[in-house]
Protein backbone atom coordinates (compact mmCIF):
# COMPACT_ATOMS: atom_id res chain seq x y z
CA MET A 1 -0.07 0.00 -0.04
CA ALA A 2 2.57 2.45 1.07
CA ALA A 3 3.48 4.91 -1.55
CA ARG A 4 5.01 6.52 1.50
CA ASP A 5 7.66 4.57 3.26
CA TYR A 6 9.15 6.58 6.12
CA GLY A 7 11.84 4.06 6.86
CA GLU A 8 10.91 3.97 10.52
CA TYR A 9 9.33 1.22 12.53
CA GLY A 10 7.27 3.07 15.24
CA GLY A 11 3.64 2.50 15.64
CA VAL A 12 2.53 5.93 14.50
CA THR A 13 4.71 5.79 11.46
CA ARG A 14 3.35 2.37 10.48
CA ALA A 15 -0.22 3.58 10.94
CA LEU A 16 0.42 6.55 8.67
CA GLU A 17 1.82 4.24 6.03
CA LEU A 18 -1.33 2.12 6.23
CA VAL A 19 -4.04 4.82 6.32
CA GLY A 20 -2.25 7.92 5.30
CA GLU A 21 -3.07 7.66 1.59
CA ARG A 22 -5.73 10.07 0.34
CA TRP A 23 -9.28 8.83 1.17
CA ALA A 24 -8.08 5.84 3.22
CA LEU A 25 -8.78 7.35 6.63
CA LEU A 26 -12.23 8.53 5.48
CA ILE A 27 -13.02 4.96 4.42
CA VAL A 28 -11.95 3.72 7.87
CA ARG A 29 -14.03 6.45 9.50
CA ASP A 30 -17.16 5.32 7.60
CA LEU A 31 -16.52 1.76 8.60
CA LEU A 32 -16.18 2.63 12.31
CA VAL A 33 -19.98 2.88 12.32
CA GLY A 34 -20.35 -0.66 10.96
CA PRO A 35 -20.09 -2.77 7.76
CA ARG A 36 -20.82 -1.02 4.52
CA ARG A 37 -21.40 -2.17 0.96
CA TYR A 38 -19.25 -0.68 -1.89
CA GLY A 39 -22.16 1.50 -3.01
CA GLU A 40 -22.76 2.82 0.52
CA LEU A 41 -19.12 3.74 0.81
CA ALA A 42 -19.18 5.43 -2.56
CA ALA A 43 -22.41 7.34 -1.60
CA GLY A 44 -20.87 8.46 1.67
CA LEU A 45 -17.78 9.78 -0.14
CA PRO A 46 -19.32 11.37 -3.23
CA ARG A 47 -16.16 13.02 -4.53
CA ILE A 48 -14.05 9.85 -4.47
CA PRO A 49 -13.42 8.36 -7.99
CA SER A 50 -14.51 4.72 -8.23
CA ASN A 51 -10.99 3.51 -9.26
CA ILE A 52 -9.49 5.22 -6.19
CA LEU A 53 -12.17 3.71 -3.84
CA ALA A 54 -11.53 0.26 -5.31
CA ALA A 55 -7.76 0.69 -4.94
CA ARG A 56 -7.95 1.97 -1.34
CA LEU A 57 -10.24 -0.94 -0.38
CA LYS A 58 -7.77 -3.41 -1.80
CA GLU A 59 -4.83 -1.75 -0.09
CA LEU A 60 -6.61 -1.62 3.27
CA GLN A 61 -7.57 -5.32 2.85
CA ALA A 62 -3.95 -6.24 2.04
CA ALA A 63 -2.78 -4.34 5.14
CA GLY A 64 -5.25 -6.21 7.31
CA VAL A 65 -7.23 -3.12 8.29
CA ILE A 66 -10.51 -4.16 6.63
CA ARG A 67 -12.03 -7.34 5.19
CA ARG A 68 -14.65 -8.31 2.67
CA ALA A 69 -17.39 -10.33 4.25
CA PRO A 70 -20.42 -11.99 2.63
CA ARG A 71 -23.71 -11.04 4.17
CA SER A 72 -26.85 -12.60 2.83
CA ARG A 73 -25.97 -12.44 -0.83
CA VAL A 74 -24.06 -9.17 -0.75
CA ILE A 75 -20.43 -8.32 0.05
CA VAL A 76 -19.75 -5.82 2.80
CA TYR A 77 -16.56 -4.26 3.93
CA GLU A 78 -15.86 -4.20 7.64
CA LEU A 79 -13.00 -3.35 9.98
CA THR A 80 -10.87 -6.12 11.30
CA PRO A 81 -9.88 -6.12 14.98
CA TYR A 82 -6.69 -4.49 13.82
CA GLY A 83 -8.67 -1.80 12.02
CA ARG A 84 -10.92 -1.24 15.09
CA GLU A 85 -7.83 -0.14 16.97
CA LEU A 86 -7.95 3.00 14.91
CA GLU A 87 -11.09 4.13 16.79
CA PRO A 88 -10.31 6.55 19.58
CA GLU A 89 -11.16 5.23 23.06
CA GLU A 90 -11.92 8.58 24.54
CA VAL A 91 -12.88 11.88 23.12
CA SER A 92 -12.27 15.01 25.17
CA GLN A 93 -14.99 17.62 25.75
CA GLU A 94 -12.95 20.08 23.73
CA GLU A 95 -12.95 17.67 20.78
CA VAL A 96 -16.69 17.25 21.10
CA ASN A 97 -17.19 21.01 21.04
CA ILE A 98 -14.93 21.36 18.01
CA LEU A 99 -16.81 18.56 16.16
CA TYR A 100 -20.17 20.11 17.06
CA VAL A 101 -19.18 23.59 15.77
CA ALA A 102 -17.68 22.06 12.61
CA LEU A 103 -20.76 19.93 12.03
CA THR A 104 -23.05 22.87 12.54
CA ARG A 105 -21.12 24.98 10.04
CA ALA A 106 -20.75 22.17 7.57
CA ARG A 107 -24.45 21.37 7.61
CA ALA A 108 -25.12 24.83 6.45
CA ALA A 109 -22.65 24.56 3.68
CA ILE A 110 -22.88 20.94 2.46
CA LYS A 111 -24.68 17.69 3.14
CA LEU A 112 -22.38 15.68 5.42
CA SER A 113 -21.75 11.94 4.94
CA GLU A 114 -24.57 10.09 6.74
CA SER A 115 -22.10 7.56 8.09
CA PHE A 116 -20.08 10.38 9.75
CA GLU A 117 -23.27 11.60 11.48
CA GLU A 118 -24.03 7.98 12.48
CA TRP A 119 -20.53 7.69 13.98
CA LEU A 120 -21.03 10.92 16.02
CA LEU A 121 -24.31 9.61 17.25
CA HIS A 122 -22.81 6.23 18.01
CA LYS A 123 -20.02 7.88 20.05
CA GLN A 124 -22.74 10.07 21.71
CA LEU A 125 -21.01 13.21 20.54
CA MET A 126 -23.81 14.88 18.59
CA PRO A 127 -26.47 16.63 20.65
CA ASN A 128 -30.11 16.01 19.68
């Protein structure tokens, strides 16, 4: 996957090599909410070209971050336990406030990815 090879072996460096490519972290973000079909991922990231989405999914699979899983006649993408480690354990109140302000402003300007809003609700960060 790594077009970037920092030549270092620390955990943060390795994580950046795995999810630091453009769009990769946004794909992981959408999968933090739960499994998604290819079309759902594409709809949640409307500006990603289909060839880039396909390439990032293959790269993330090869790195062990996500896997393809059959679910009642459809294929979904889901995070592996290794990929789940990318989810933050705790979020500070300051981060919640920043996310809320950013979300409020962004809603006025654009329609946000539904999966991002689901993630905020899942993490109980978005006020009703």
